Amino acid sequence: MSQFPDAKFVTSANAVAQFLPDDGVEVAVAGRSNAGKSSAINIIVNRRQFARTSKTPGRTQLVNFFSMRDGQRLVDLPGYGFAKVAESVRAHWGRLLQDYFETRESLSGLILVVDVRRELQDFDRQMLTFAGSVDLRVHVLLTKADKLKRGKAATALLQVKKELGSAATAQLFSAHNRQGMDEARDTLETFLKGD
């Protein structure tokens, strides 16, 4: 059973004016369009199709707000980097994400979803920069860990941890076999507490 039985989608925003009121606590989830962000959210929340998954990367094109519990939100940010969209749309997303990080007082943490086979890319580093600029806690989920042999996955995790230093924590994760699910869920809970 889900730890979040009352979790539900609330609204999508394409501009700062459309964001939900900036109160309570919220945790953002970001990642490249093909890193398995929606699948990771569904496993962590333990609800099928909570965040819509798609065979086409880049489906999340708006800032999606979900209520987890009273006063606690999860915010699914636009998938970046892979989606085939016009340059003007990509530029709009960049401004929207920057505005989001700079204006949300309720933002307590960022879960950054990264394909373990790709390690950190420029877009991930940009998210880390946004988070660092507002002194935000970050936890990196290295998804699709089931696609690598155990030794290779462990090496990739060490590499990422080395690059992150004290900027973020990191773990291996697989939506396919639920590896790392409890650790990811515990991190979300810690961020949602806001302390």
Protein backbone atom coordinates (compact mmCIF):
# COMPACT_ATOMS: atom_id res chain seq x y z
CA MET A 1 0.00 0.00 0.00
CA SER A 2 1.16 3.53 -0.77
CA GLN A 3 2.52 5.74 2.00
CA PHE A 4 0.65 8.46 0.16
CA PRO A 5 -2.94 7.16 -0.14
CA ASP A 6 -4.33 10.67 -0.68
CA ALA A 7 -1.74 11.72 -3.28
CA LYS A 8 -3.30 13.32 -6.34
CA PHE A 9 -2.52 15.50 -9.34
CA VAL A 10 -3.51 19.12 -8.72
CA THR A 11 -2.50 21.32 -11.65
CA SER A 12 -0.01 22.02 -14.44
CA ALA A 13 1.71 25.35 -14.94
CA ASN A 14 3.37 26.93 -17.95
CA ALA A 15 4.15 30.26 -16.23
CA VAL A 16 5.12 31.46 -12.74
CA ALA A 17 1.67 33.04 -12.32
CA GLN A 18 0.12 29.56 -12.65
CA PHE A 19 2.18 28.00 -9.84
CA LEU A 20 0.29 26.86 -6.73
CA PRO A 21 0.48 29.14 -3.66
CA ASP A 22 3.98 29.05 -2.18
CA ASP A 23 3.16 27.52 1.20
CA GLY A 24 3.76 24.21 2.97
CA VAL A 25 6.61 22.05 1.67
CA GLU A 26 7.36 20.81 -1.82
CA VAL A 27 9.94 18.52 -3.37
CA ALA A 28 10.87 18.84 -7.05
CA VAL A 29 11.78 15.97 -9.36
CA ALA A 30 13.88 16.74 -12.44
CA GLY A 31 15.72 14.75 -15.07
CA ARG A 32 16.45 14.26 -18.73
CA SER A 33 13.42 13.21 -20.73
CA ASN A 34 14.62 9.64 -21.21
CA ALA A 35 16.00 8.98 -17.71
CA GLY A 36 12.87 7.24 -16.41
CA LYS A 37 11.58 10.11 -14.25
CA SER A 38 7.87 9.24 -14.39
CA SER A 39 8.54 5.54 -13.71
CA ALA A 40 10.72 6.49 -10.71
CA ILE A 41 7.98 8.74 -9.30
CA ASN A 42 5.36 5.98 -9.72
CA ILE A 43 7.52 3.42 -7.87
CA ILE A 44 8.44 5.81 -5.03
CA VAL A 45 4.81 6.89 -4.54
CA ASN A 46 3.69 3.27 -5.15
CA ARG A 47 0.90 4.29 -7.52
CA ARG A 48 0.66 3.05 -11.12
CA GLN A 49 0.37 5.84 -13.70
CA PHE A 50 0.51 8.49 -10.96
CA ALA A 51 2.95 10.36 -13.18
CA ARG A 52 2.15 9.53 -16.79
CA THR A 53 4.77 7.34 -18.44
CA SER A 54 5.24 7.34 -22.18
CA LYS A 55 7.26 5.58 -24.83
CA THR A 56 8.02 9.06 -26.21
CA PRO A 57 10.62 10.92 -24.14
CA GLY A 58 9.78 14.51 -23.28
CA ARG A 59 6.09 14.12 -22.43
CA THR A 60 6.39 16.24 -19.27
CA GLN A 61 6.37 19.70 -20.79
CA LEU A 62 4.76 21.63 -17.94
CA VAL A 63 5.45 22.04 -14.23
CA ASN A 64 3.10 19.44 -12.69
CA PHE A 65 2.01 19.85 -9.07
CA PHE A 66 0.89 16.83 -7.04
CA SER A 67 -0.52 16.95 -3.52
CA MET A 68 1.06 14.18 -1.41
CA ARG A 69 -0.51 15.00 1.95
CA ASP A 70 -1.95 18.16 3.44
CA GLY A 71 0.72 20.85 3.02
CA GLN A 72 3.14 18.54 1.17
CA ARG A 73 3.64 18.56 -2.61
CA LEU A 74 5.68 16.78 -5.25
CA VAL A 75 6.51 18.86 -8.34
CA ASP A 76 7.37 17.09 -11.60
CA LEU A 77 9.50 19.48 -13.65
CA PRO A 78 9.68 19.40 -17.49
CA GLY A 79 11.90 16.65 -18.85
CA TYR A 80 14.86 18.35 -20.45
CA GLY A 81 17.61 17.67 -22.95
CA PHE A 82 16.11 15.00 -25.16
CA ALA A 83 12.66 16.20 -26.17
CA LYS A 84 12.35 17.24 -29.81
CA VAL A 85 10.94 20.73 -29.34
CA ALA A 86 11.50 24.14 -30.92
CA GLU A 87 14.39 26.21 -29.57
CA SER A 88 11.91 28.87 -28.37
CA VAL A 89 10.09 26.22 -26.27
CA ARG A 90 13.38 24.97 -24.84
CA ALA A 91 14.36 28.57 -23.94
CA HIS A 92 10.97 29.04 -22.25
CA TRP A 93 11.52 25.86 -20.19
CA GLY A 94 14.93 27.14 -19.12
CA ARG A 95 13.45 30.44 -17.90
CA LEU A 96 10.53 28.65 -16.25
CA LEU A 97 12.85 26.28 -14.35
CA GLN A 98 15.11 29.14 -13.28
CA ASP A 99 12.09 31.14 -12.06
CA TYR A 100 10.80 28.07 -10.25
CA PHE A 101 14.04 27.53 -8.32
CA GLU A 102 14.49 31.23 -7.55
CA THR A 103 10.95 31.98 -6.36
CA ARG A 104 9.73 28.91 -4.41
CA GLU A 105 10.21 29.45 -0.67
CA SER A 106 8.42 26.13 0.01
CA LEU A 107 10.96 24.13 -2.03
CA SER A 108 12.72 21.77 0.38
CA GLY A 109 14.62 19.37 -1.88
CA LEU A 110 15.34 18.19 -5.41
CA ILE A 111 15.39 14.58 -6.61
CA LEU A 112 17.50 14.52 -9.76
CA VAL A 113 16.87 11.50 -12.00
CA VAL A 114 19.89 10.40 -14.06
CA ASP A 115 20.27 7.32 -16.29
CA VAL A 116 23.15 5.38 -14.67
CA ARG A 117 24.49 4.49 -18.13
CA ARG A 118 24.87 8.17 -19.06
CA GLU A 119 26.14 9.54 -15.72
CA LEU A 120 25.93 13.32 -15.20
CA GLN A 121 25.28 15.41 -18.32
CA ASP A 122 25.31 19.19 -18.87
CA PHE A 123 21.57 19.41 -18.16
CA ASP A 124 22.01 17.60 -14.84
CA ARG A 125 24.82 19.95 -13.92
CA GLN A 126 22.56 22.91 -14.76
CA MET A 127 19.94 21.55 -12.32
CA LEU A 128 22.66 21.16 -9.68
CA THR A 129 23.68 24.78 -10.31
CA PHE A 130 20.07 25.97 -9.92
CA ALA A 131 19.78 24.00 -6.68
CA GLY A 132 23.14 25.23 -5.40
CA SER A 133 22.19 28.85 -6.05
CA VAL A 134 19.33 28.56 -3.54
CA ASP A 135 21.13 26.21 -1.12
CA LEU A 136 18.78 23.32 -1.87
CA ARG A 137 19.33 19.69 -0.82
CA VAL A 138 19.71 17.33 -3.80
CA HIS A 139 19.47 13.54 -4.03
CA VAL A 140 20.49 11.88 -7.30
CA LEU A 141 18.67 8.72 -8.41
CA LEU A 142 20.83 6.73 -10.83
CA THR A 143 18.01 4.94 -12.63
CA LYS A 144 17.99 1.83 -14.84
CA ALA A 145 20.59 0.19 -12.58
CA ASP A 146 19.20 -3.20 -13.70
CA LYS A 147 20.61 -2.51 -17.19
CA LEU A 148 24.20 -2.74 -15.89
CA LYS A 149 26.12 -5.58 -14.24
CA ARG A 150 26.46 -5.01 -10.49
CA GLY A 151 30.17 -4.07 -10.66
CA LYS A 152 29.64 -1.54 -13.46
CA ALA A 153 26.69 0.03 -11.62
CA ALA A 154 28.74 0.32 -8.42
CA THR A 155 31.59 1.96 -10.35
CA ALA A 156 29.17 4.43 -11.97
CA LEU A 157 27.76 5.30 -8.53
CA LEU A 158 31.27 5.94 -7.18
CA GLN A 159 32.09 8.15 -10.19
CA VAL A 160 28.94 10.23 -9.72
CA LYS A 161 29.47 10.54 -5.95
CA LYS A 162 33.03 11.71 -6.61
CA GLU A 163 31.84 14.40 -9.04
CA LEU A 164 29.02 15.52 -6.73
CA GLY A 165 31.21 15.83 -3.66
CA SER A 166 29.12 17.46 -0.93
CA ALA A 167 26.66 19.02 -3.44
CA ALA A 168 24.30 16.02 -3.36
CA THR A 169 23.75 12.46 -2.20
CA ALA A 170 23.31 9.64 -4.74
CA GLN A 171 22.03 6.09 -5.00
CA LEU A 172 21.35 3.33 -7.52
CA PHE A 173 17.70 2.84 -8.49
CA SER A 174 15.65 0.61 -10.76
CA ALA A 175 11.94 1.00 -11.44
CA HIS A 176 12.07 -2.41 -13.15
CA ASN A 177 13.12 -4.46 -10.09
CA ARG A 178 12.50 -1.80 -7.41
CA GLN A 179 16.15 -1.64 -6.39
CA GLY A 180 16.74 1.35 -4.11
CA MET A 181 13.01 2.01 -3.67
CA ASP A 182 13.09 2.23 0.15
CA GLU A 183 16.11 4.56 0.20
CA ALA A 184 14.48 6.85 -2.39
CA ARG A 185 11.20 6.85 -0.46
CA ASP A 186 13.00 7.67 2.81
CA THR A 187 14.76 10.58 1.11
CA LEU A 188 11.47 11.93 -0.24
CA GLU A 189 9.96 11.68 3.26
CA THR A 190 12.93 13.55 4.76
CA PHE A 191 12.63 16.31 2.15
CA LEU A 192 8.85 16.55 2.64
CA LYS A 193 9.35 17.08 6.37
CA GLY A 194 11.28 20.19 5.38
CA ASP A 195 13.84 19.95 8.16
